[in-house]
Every structure is written in C-alpha cells, then in structure tokens.
PDB file of N, CA and C in Angstrom:
ATOM      1  N   MET A   1       3.588  -7.313  -9.320  1.00  0.00           N
ATOM      2  CA  MET A   1       3.511  -6.428  -8.183  1.00  0.00           C
ATOM      3  C   MET A   1       3.242  -5.046  -8.492  1.00  0.00           C
ATOM      4  N   THR A   2       2.578  -4.510  -7.865  1.00  0.00           N
ATOM      5  CA  THR A   2       2.185  -3.289  -8.261  1.00  0.00           C
ATOM      6  C   THR A   2       2.536  -2.448  -6.806  1.00  0.00           C
ATOM      7  N   VAL A   3       3.480  -1.358  -7.145  1.00  0.00           N
ATOM      8  CA  VAL A   3       4.020  -0.746  -6.056  1.00  0.00           C
ATOM      9  C   VAL A   3       3.463   0.990  -6.173  1.00  0.00           C
ATOM     10  N   LEU A   4       2.808   1.324  -5.167  1.00  0.00           N
ATOM     11  CA  LEU A   4       2.249   2.794  -5.263  1.00  0.00           C
ATOM     12  C   LEU A   4       3.182   3.554  -4.212  1.00  0.00           C
ATOM     13  N   GLU A   5       3.662   4.732  -4.880  1.00  0.00           N
ATOM     14  CA  GLU A   5       4.517   5.737  -4.124  1.00  0.00           C
ATOM     15  C   GLU A   5       4.187   7.088  -4.293  1.00  0.00           C
ATOM     16  N   LYS A   6       3.943   7.622  -3.118  1.00  0.00           N
ATOM     17  CA  LYS A   6       3.235   9.131  -3.356  1.00  0.00           C
ATOM     18  C   LYS A   6       4.672  10.244  -3.641  1.00  0.00           C
ATOM     19  N   SER A   7       5.776   9.716  -3.198  1.00  0.00           N
ATOM     20  CA  SER A   7       6.953  10.624  -3.358  1.00  0.00           C
ATOM     21  C   SER A   7       7.771  10.523  -4.751  1.00  0.00           C
ATOM     22  N   GLU A   8       7.773  11.382  -5.542  1.00  0.00           N
ATOM     23  CA  GLU A   8       8.477  11.179  -6.806  1.00  0.00           C
ATOM     24  C   GLU A   8      10.060  10.962  -6.589  1.00  0.00           C
ATOM     25  N   ASP A   9      10.527  11.610  -5.460  1.00  0.00           N
ATOM     26  CA  ASP A   9      11.943  11.638  -5.005  1.00  0.00           C
ATOM     27  C   ASP A   9      12.174  10.176  -4.490  1.00  0.00           C
ATOM     28  N   VAL A  10      11.236   9.502  -3.924  1.00  0.00           N
ATOM     29  CA  VAL A  10      11.489   8.038  -3.497  1.00  0.00           C
ATOM     30  C   VAL A  10      11.657   7.283  -4.763  1.00  0.00           C
ATOM     31  N   ILE A  11      10.850   7.446  -5.675  1.00  0.00           N
ATOM     32  CA  ILE A  11      10.582   6.606  -7.016  1.00  0.00           C
ATOM     33  C   ILE A  11      12.269   6.735  -7.715  1.00  0.00           C
ATOM     34  N   LYS A  12      12.431   8.032  -7.868  1.00  0.00           N
ATOM     35  CA  LYS A  12      13.625   8.470  -8.704  1.00  0.00           C
ATOM     36  C   LYS A  12      14.868   7.650  -7.799  1.00  0.00           C
ATOM     37  N   LEU A  13      14.918   7.574  -6.529  1.00  0.00           N
ATOM     38  CA  LEU A  13      15.893   6.932  -5.881  1.00  0.00           C
ATOM     39  C   LEU A  13      15.913   5.330  -5.902  1.00  0.00           C
ATOM     40  N   VAL A  14      14.810   4.783  -5.843  1.00  0.00           N
ATOM     41  CA  VAL A  14      14.618   3.395  -5.813  1.00  0.00           C
ATOM     42  C   VAL A  14      14.427   2.807  -7.081  1.00  0.00           C
ATOM     43  N   ALA A  15      13.565   3.186  -7.976  1.00  0.00           N
ATOM     44  CA  ALA A  15      13.128   2.543  -9.106  1.00  0.00           C
ATOM     45  C   ALA A  15      14.407   2.115 -10.141  1.00  0.00           C
ATOM     46  N   PRO A  16      15.484   2.818  -9.975  1.00  0.00           N
ATOM     47  CA  PRO A  16      16.460   2.052 -10.935  1.00  0.00           C
ATOM     48  C   PRO A  16      17.019   0.726 -10.464  1.00  0.00           C
ATOM     49  N   THR A  17      16.939   0.690  -9.093  1.00  0.00           N
ATOM     50  CA  THR A  17      17.362  -0.751  -8.562  1.00  0.00           C
ATOM     51  C   THR A  17      16.572  -1.818  -9.315  1.00  0.00           C
ATOM     52  N   TYR A  18      15.250  -1.600  -9.389  1.00  0.00           N
ATOM     53  CA  TYR A  18      14.420  -2.567  -9.863  1.00  0.00           C
ATOM     54  C   TYR A  18      14.084  -2.521 -11.504  1.00  0.00           C
ATOM     55  N   GLU A  19      14.818  -1.961 -11.958  1.00  0.00           N
ATOM     56  CA  GLU A  19      14.777  -2.070 -13.558  1.00  0.00           C
ATOM     57  C   GLU A  19      15.058  -3.364 -14.128  1.00  0.00           C
ATOM     58  N   GLY A  20      14.085  -3.755 -15.037  1.00  0.00           N
ATOM     59  CA  GLY A  20      14.137  -4.996 -15.503  1.00  0.00           C
ATOM     60  C   GLY A  20      13.347  -6.164 -14.831  1.00  0.00           C
ATOM     61  N   VAL A  21      12.930  -5.918 -13.620  1.00  0.00           N
ATOM     62  CA  VAL A  21      12.225  -6.849 -12.709  1.00  0.00           C
ATOM     63  C   VAL A  21      10.819  -7.257 -13.239  1.00  0.00           C
ATOM     64  N   ASN A  22      10.702  -8.446 -13.796  1.00  0.00           N
ATOM     65  CA  ASN A  22       9.597  -8.709 -14.447  1.00  0.00           C
ATOM     66  C   ASN A  22       8.233  -8.696 -13.673  1.00  0.00           C
ATOM     67  N   GLY A  23       7.373  -8.006 -14.173  1.00  0.00           N
ATOM     68  CA  GLY A  23       6.043  -7.990 -13.443  1.00  0.00           C
ATOM     69  C   GLY A  23       5.834  -6.748 -12.516  1.00  0.00           C
ATOM     70  N   LEU A  24       6.765  -6.002 -12.285  1.00  0.00           N
ATOM     71  CA  LEU A  24       6.850  -5.056 -11.329  1.00  0.00           C
ATOM     72  C   LEU A  24       6.432  -3.772 -11.985  1.00  0.00           C
ATOM     73  N   ARG A  25       5.309  -3.061 -11.307  1.00  0.00           N
ATOM     74  CA  ARG A  25       4.885  -1.823 -11.677  1.00  0.00           C
ATOM     75  C   ARG A  25       4.926  -0.685 -10.524  1.00  0.00           C
ATOM     76  N   ILE A  26       5.832   0.262 -10.750  1.00  0.00           N
ATOM     77  CA  ILE A  26       5.860   1.507  -9.882  1.00  0.00           C
ATOM     78  C   ILE A  26       5.030   2.694 -10.149  1.00  0.00           C
ATOM     79  N   ILE A  27       4.047   3.126  -9.577  1.00  0.00           N
ATOM     80  CA  ILE A  27       3.246   4.019  -9.790  1.00  0.00           C
ATOM     81  C   ILE A  27       3.314   5.143  -8.838  1.00  0.00           C
ATOM     82  N   HIS A  28       3.338   6.197  -9.449  1.00  0.00           N
ATOM     83  CA  HIS A  28       3.497   7.562  -8.832  1.00  0.00           C
ATOM     84  C   HIS A  28       2.040   7.829  -8.524  1.00  0.00           C
ATOM     85  N   ALA A  29       1.562   7.548  -7.054  1.00  0.00           N
ATOM     86  CA  ALA A  29       0.110   8.085  -6.736  1.00  0.00           C
ATOM     87  C   ALA A  29       0.274   7.978  -5.302  1.00  0.00           C
ATOM     88  N   ASP A  30      -1.021   8.598  -4.875  1.00  0.00           N
ATOM     89  CA  ASP A  30      -1.420   8.571  -3.553  1.00  0.00           C
ATOM     90  C   ASP A  30      -2.310   7.331  -3.343  1.00  0.00           C
ATOM     91  N   ALA A  31      -2.151   6.464  -2.259  1.00  0.00           N
ATOM     92  CA  ALA A  31      -2.795   5.184  -2.082  1.00  0.00           C
ATOM     93  C   ALA A  31      -4.349   5.418  -1.744  1.00  0.00           C
ATOM     94  N   PHE A  32      -4.750   6.695  -1.211  1.00  0.00           N
ATOM     95  CA  PHE A  32      -6.147   7.163  -1.004  1.00  0.00           C
ATOM     96  C   PHE A  32      -6.795   7.683  -2.148  1.00  0.00           C
ATOM     97  N   GLU A  33      -6.061   8.011  -3.306  1.00  0.00           N
ATOM     98  CA  GLU A  33      -6.553   8.512  -4.324  1.00  0.00           C
ATOM     99  C   GLU A  33      -6.528   7.761  -5.646  1.00  0.00           C
ATOM    100  N   TRP A  34      -5.781   6.853  -5.705  1.00  0.00           N
ATOM    101  CA  TRP A  34      -5.299   6.110  -6.941  1.00  0.00           C
ATOM    102  C   TRP A  34      -6.555   4.959  -7.084  1.00  0.00           C
ATOM    103  N   LYS A  35      -7.071   5.043  -8.569  1.00  0.00           N
ATOM    104  CA  LYS A  35      -8.084   4.143  -8.758  1.00  0.00           C
ATOM    105  C   LYS A  35      -7.406   2.657  -9.234  1.00  0.00           C
ATOM    106  N   PRO A  36      -7.564   1.666  -8.488  1.00  0.00           N
ATOM    107  CA  PRO A  36      -7.060   0.437  -9.012  1.00  0.00           C
ATOM    108  C   PRO A  36      -7.439   0.117 -10.332  1.00  0.00           C
ATOM    109  N   ASP A  37      -6.644  -0.409 -11.222  1.00  0.00           N
ATOM    110  CA  ASP A  37      -6.988  -0.836 -12.644  1.00  0.00           C
ATOM    111  C   ASP A  37      -6.953  -2.475 -12.776  1.00  0.00           C
ATOM    112  N   ARG A  38      -6.823  -2.974 -11.783  1.00  0.00           N
ATOM    113  CA  ARG A  38      -7.080  -4.574 -11.748  1.00  0.00           C
ATOM    114  C   ARG A  38      -7.372  -5.209 -10.252  1.00  0.00           C
ATOM    115  N   GLU A  39      -7.503  -6.424 -10.404  1.00  0.00           N
ATOM    116  CA  GLU A  39      -7.723  -7.176  -9.029  1.00  0.00           C
ATOM    117  C   GLU A  39      -6.532  -7.608  -8.404  1.00  0.00           C
ATOM    118  N   PHE A  40      -6.305  -7.687  -7.140  1.00  0.00           N
ATOM    119  CA  PHE A  40      -5.063  -8.067  -6.584  1.00  0.00           C
ATOM    120  C   PHE A  40      -5.206  -9.238  -5.638  1.00  0.00           C
ATOM    121  N   ASP A  41      -4.329 -10.035  -5.364  1.00  0.00           N
ATOM    122  CA  ASP A  41      -4.127 -11.118  -4.521  1.00  0.00           C
ATOM    123  C   ASP A  41      -4.019 -10.927  -3.118  1.00  0.00           C
ATOM    124  N   TRP A  42      -3.063  -9.753  -2.976  1.00  0.00           N
ATOM    125  CA  TRP A  42      -2.640  -9.497  -1.746  1.00  0.00           C
ATOM    126  C   TRP A  42      -2.527  -7.922  -1.629  1.00  0.00           C
ATOM    127  N   ALA A  43      -2.507  -7.283  -0.389  1.00  0.00           N
ATOM    128  CA  ALA A  43      -2.111  -5.998  -0.325  1.00  0.00           C
ATOM    129  C   ALA A  43      -1.441  -5.658   0.866  1.00  0.00           C
ATOM    130  N   TRP A  44      -0.174  -4.868   0.794  1.00  0.00           N
ATOM    131  CA  TRP A  44       0.640  -4.580   1.836  1.00  0.00           C
ATOM    132  C   TRP A  44       0.515  -3.168   1.944  1.00  0.00           C
ATOM    133  N   HIS A  45       0.071  -2.479   2.893  1.00  0.00           N
ATOM    134  CA  HIS A  45      -0.201  -0.972   3.081  1.00  0.00           C
ATOM    135  C   HIS A  45       0.931  -0.718   3.952  1.00  0.00           C
ATOM    136  N   ASP A  46       1.884   0.192   3.545  1.00  0.00           N
ATOM    137  CA  ASP A  46       3.131   0.675   4.314  1.00  0.00           C
ATOM    138  C   ASP A  46       3.309   2.041   4.065  1.00  0.00           C
ATOM    139  N   ILE A  47       2.468   3.059   4.478  1.00  0.00           N
ATOM    140  CA  ILE A  47       2.512   4.394   4.099  1.00  0.00           C
ATOM    141  C   ILE A  47       2.929   5.475   5.356  1.00  0.00           C
ATOM    142  N   TRP A  48       3.075   4.794   6.463  1.00  0.00           N
ATOM    143  CA  TRP A  48       3.074   5.658   7.715  1.00  0.00           C
ATOM    144  C   TRP A  48       4.390   5.881   7.986  1.00  0.00           C
ATOM    145  N   PRO A  49       4.801   7.096   8.352  1.00  0.00           N
ATOM    146  CA  PRO A  49       6.376   7.410   8.875  1.00  0.00           C
ATOM    147  C   PRO A  49       6.457   7.169  10.180  1.00  0.00           C
ATOM    148  N   ASP A  50       5.391   6.994  10.866  1.00  0.00           N
ATOM    149  CA  ASP A  50       5.453   6.741  12.394  1.00  0.00           C
ATOM    150  C   ASP A  50       4.207   5.986  12.713  1.00  0.00           C
ATOM    151  N   MET A  51       4.078   5.421  14.007  1.00  0.00           N
ATOM    152  CA  MET A  51       2.940   4.681  14.430  1.00  0.00           C
ATOM    153  C   MET A  51       2.419   5.524  15.583  1.00  0.00           C
ATOM    154  N   SER A  52       1.015   5.719  15.679  1.00  0.00           N
ATOM    155  CA  SER A  52       0.216   6.444  16.577  1.00  0.00           C
ATOM    156  C   SER A  52      -1.352   5.817  16.570  1.00  0.00           C
ATOM    157  N   SER A  53      -1.913   5.902  17.624  1.00  0.00           N
ATOM    158  CA  SER A  53      -3.417   5.521  17.592  1.00  0.00           C
ATOM    159  C   SER A  53      -4.196   6.086  16.521  1.00  0.00           C
ATOM    160  N   ASP A  54      -3.681   7.195  16.212  1.00  0.00           N
ATOM    161  CA  ASP A  54      -4.371   7.937  14.825  1.00  0.00           C
ATOM    162  C   ASP A  54      -4.349   6.986  13.737  1.00  0.00           C
ATOM    163  N   ARG A  55      -3.539   6.290  13.314  1.00  0.00           N
ATOM    164  CA  ARG A  55      -3.182   5.468  12.280  1.00  0.00           C
ATOM    165  C   ARG A  55      -4.127   4.586  12.048  1.00  0.00           C
ATOM    166  N   LYS A  56      -4.880   4.067  13.062  1.00  0.00           N
ATOM    167  CA  LYS A  56      -6.069   3.005  12.946  1.00  0.00           C
ATOM    168  C   LYS A  56      -7.044   3.505  12.073  1.00  0.00           C
ATOM    169  N   LYS A  57      -7.509   4.678  12.021  1.00  0.00           N
ATOM    170  CA  LYS A  57      -8.400   5.165  11.038  1.00  0.00           C
ATOM    171  C   LYS A  57      -8.051   5.147   9.686  1.00  0.00           C
ATOM    172  N   GLU A  58      -6.792   5.652   9.458  1.00  0.00           N
ATOM    173  CA  GLU A  58      -6.277   5.452   7.956  1.00  0.00           C
ATOM    174  C   GLU A  58      -6.144   3.777   7.563  1.00  0.00           C
ATOM    175  N   MET A  59      -5.869   2.824   8.386  1.00  0.00           N
ATOM    176  CA  MET A  59      -5.540   1.675   8.055  1.00  0.00           C
ATOM    177  C   MET A  59      -7.025   1.139   7.705  1.00  0.00           C
ATOM    178  N   THR A  60      -7.790   1.271   8.369  1.00  0.00           N
ATOM    179  CA  THR A  60      -9.297   0.845   8.117  1.00  0.00           C
ATOM    180  C   THR A  60      -9.784   1.410   6.687  1.00  0.00           C
ATOM    181  N   ALA A  61      -9.547   2.932   6.517  1.00  0.00           N
ATOM    182  CA  ALA A  61     -10.059   3.544   5.342  1.00  0.00           C
ATOM    183  C   ALA A  61      -9.267   2.769   4.064  1.00  0.00           C
ATOM    184  N   LEU A  62      -7.872   2.537   4.136  1.00  0.00           N
ATOM    185  CA  LEU A  62      -7.312   1.795   3.111  1.00  0.00           C
ATOM    186  C   LEU A  62      -7.798   0.438   2.847  1.00  0.00           C
ATOM    187  N   ARG A  63      -8.056  -0.308   3.882  1.00  0.00           N
ATOM    188  CA  ARG A  63      -8.606  -1.651   3.666  1.00  0.00           C
ATOM    189  C   ARG A  63     -10.091  -1.598   3.071  1.00  0.00           C
ATOM    190  N   ARG A  64     -10.739  -0.754   3.501  1.00  0.00           N
ATOM    191  CA  ARG A  64     -12.142  -0.684   3.008  1.00  0.00           C
ATOM    192  C   ARG A  64     -11.940  -0.229   1.474  1.00  0.00           C
ATOM    193  N   ARG A  65     -11.119   0.476   1.059  1.00  0.00           N
ATOM    194  CA  ARG A  65     -11.072   1.107  -0.318  1.00  0.00           C
ATOM    195  C   ARG A  65     -10.507  -0.140  -1.331  1.00  0.00           C
ATOM    196  N   PHE A  66      -9.555  -0.919  -0.907  1.00  0.00           N
ATOM    197  CA  PHE A  66      -9.041  -1.720  -1.693  1.00  0.00           C
ATOM    198  C   PHE A  66      -9.751  -3.109  -1.417  1.00  0.00           C
ATOM    199  N   GLN A  67     -10.626  -3.532  -0.544  1.00  0.00           N
ATOM    200  CA  GLN A  67     -11.309  -4.588  -0.387  1.00  0.00           C
ATOM    201  C   GLN A  67     -12.046  -5.232  -1.674  1.00  0.00           C
ATOM    202  N   LYS A  68     -12.722  -3.934  -2.412  1.00  0.00           N
ATOM    203  CA  LYS A  68     -13.556  -4.298  -3.599  1.00  0.00           C
ATOM    204  C   LYS A  68     -12.487  -4.998  -4.726  1.00  0.00           C
ATOM    205  N   VAL A  69     -11.154  -4.692  -4.687  1.00  0.00           N
ATOM    206  CA  VAL A  69     -10.298  -5.146  -5.672  1.00  0.00           C
ATOM    207  C   VAL A  69      -9.498  -6.481  -5.230  1.00  0.00           C
ATOM    208  N   MET A  70      -9.759  -7.047  -4.225  1.00  0.00           N
ATOM    209  CA  MET A  70      -8.994  -8.054  -3.683  1.00  0.00           C
ATOM    210  C   MET A  70      -9.738  -9.476  -3.983  1.00  0.00           C
ATOM    211  N   ARG A  71      -8.774 -10.351  -4.262  1.00  0.00           N
ATOM    212  CA  ARG A  71      -9.293 -11.700  -4.857  1.00  0.00           C
ATOM    213  C   ARG A  71      -9.596 -12.677  -3.632  1.00  0.00           C
ATOM    214  N   GLY A  72     -10.331 -12.135  -2.601  1.00  0.00           N
ATOM    215  CA  GLY A  72     -10.310 -13.079  -1.498  1.00  0.00           C
ATOM    216  C   GLY A  72     -10.443 -11.952  -0.260  1.00  0.00           C
ATOM    217  N   ARG A  73     -10.854 -12.813   0.846  1.00  0.00           N
ATOM    218  CA  ARG A  73     -11.292 -11.801   2.098  1.00  0.00           C
ATOM    219  C   ARG A  73      -9.851 -11.899   2.932  1.00  0.00           C
ATOM    220  N   ASP A  74      -9.869 -11.006   3.811  1.00  0.00           N
ATOM    221  CA  ASP A  74      -8.554 -11.090   4.600  1.00  0.00           C
ATOM    222  C   ASP A  74      -7.066 -11.080   4.061  1.00  0.00           C
ATOM    223  N   ARG A  75      -6.920 -10.290   3.044  1.00  0.00           N
ATOM    224  CA  ARG A  75      -5.618 -10.529   2.263  1.00  0.00           C
ATOM    225  C   ARG A  75      -4.990  -9.218   2.011  1.00  0.00           C
ATOM    226  N   GLN A  76      -5.406  -8.421   3.293  1.00  0.00           N
ATOM    227  CA  GLN A  76      -4.723  -7.027   3.365  1.00  0.00           C
ATOM    228  C   GLN A  76      -3.811  -6.947   4.653  1.00  0.00           C
ATOM    229  N   ARG A  77      -2.707  -6.499   4.648  1.00  0.00           N
ATOM    230  CA  ARG A  77      -2.089  -6.118   5.927  1.00  0.00           C
ATOM    231  C   ARG A  77      -1.544  -4.879   5.975  1.00  0.00           C
ATOM    232  N   CYS A  78      -1.360  -4.166   7.211  1.00  0.00           N
ATOM    233  CA  CYS A  78      -0.635  -2.767   7.242  1.00  0.00           C
ATOM    234  C   CYS A  78       0.493  -2.855   8.064  1.00  0.00           C
ATOM    235  N   TRP A  79       1.499  -2.046   7.829  1.00  0.00           N
ATOM    236  CA  TRP A  79       2.829  -2.039   8.355  1.00  0.00           C
ATOM    237  C   TRP A  79       2.496  -1.405  10.000  1.00  0.00           C
ATOM    238  N   GLY A  80       2.872  -2.169  10.848  1.00  0.00           N
ATOM    239  CA  GLY A  80       2.660  -1.664  12.381  1.00  0.00           C
ATOM    240  C   GLY A  80       1.286  -2.098  12.768  1.00  0.00           C
ATOM    241  N   GLU A  81       0.360  -2.602  11.989  1.00  0.00           N
ATOM    242  CA  GLU A  81      -0.944  -2.765  12.580  1.00  0.00           C
ATOM    243  C   GLU A  81      -1.023  -3.726  13.856  1.00  0.00           C
ATOM    244  N   ALA A  82      -0.149  -4.791  13.867  1.00  0.00           N
ATOM    245  CA  ALA A  82      -0.128  -5.696  14.988  1.00  0.00           C
ATOM    246  C   ALA A  82       0.286  -4.924  16.259  1.00  0.00           C
ATOM    247  N   ASN A  83       1.120  -3.931  16.335  1.00  0.00           N
ATOM    248  CA  ASN A  83       1.534  -3.173  17.464  1.00  0.00           C
ATOM    249  C   ASN A  83       0.388  -2.210  17.976  1.00  0.00           C
ATOM    250  N   LEU A  84      -0.329  -1.750  16.914  1.00  0.00           N
ATOM    251  CA  LEU A  84      -1.442  -0.724  17.244  1.00  0.00           C
ATOM    252  C   LEU A  84      -2.506  -1.564  18.090  1.00  0.00           C
ATOM    253  N   MET A  85      -2.778  -2.714  17.470  1.00  0.00           N
ATOM    254  CA  MET A  85      -3.898  -3.394  18.098  1.00  0.00           C
ATOM    255  C   MET A  85      -3.902  -3.742  19.425  1.00  0.00           C
ATOM    256  N   ARG A  86      -2.812  -3.582  19.975  1.00  0.00           N
ATOM    257  CA  ARG A  86      -2.566  -3.844  21.422  1.00  0.00           C
ATOM    258  C   ARG A  86      -2.992  -2.685  22.195  1.00  0.00           C
ATOM    259  N   TYR A  87      -3.134  -1.396  21.615  1.00  0.00           N
ATOM    260  CA  TYR A  87      -3.533  -0.307  22.387  1.00  0.00           C
ATOM    261  C   TYR A  87      -5.078  -0.144  22.397  1.00  0.00           C
TER     262      TYR A  87
END
C-alpha cells in the first residue's frame, strides 16, 4: 500500500502508528505532482477537506492522472464522490 500525504505534519503525527506494517509506504508528496513508480491495483483519493461541486474537476483530474498506472479499469474511487454525483 502506498499512501501519499501532502502535509509533513500529518505524516509526523500518523506514521509512527504504522511503523513495522509490512508493505506500507508513506510518501510526502502532492497527488497532483507525484510521479508513480509502479502500477496499482486500486486507488482511493481522499484529499479534500470539504465537499463542493468544485471538487468534481479535481476528482476527474486525479482519475485521469492515475488511470495509466492502474491494473484495470474502474479501480479508482474518491472520497465524497457519490454525494457529489447527486448534484
């Protein structure tokens, strides 16, 4: 599992809890800028502090950005996406 986290403070707070978890990588990076170094089976995008219709564009951009490194189609989800699609 690869976790991207933009905030170094969040990493410092949370990472010690997961020390020794086999196969976990926590990377200090912005999901819109990070260059994937492998393929992934699934992606869960959870970068939004709130939900608004403006987030749809960001969700679409992340899906497009990561689609080329996914091992299959329709294997990405975004936090809050189901609620936004109602509007």
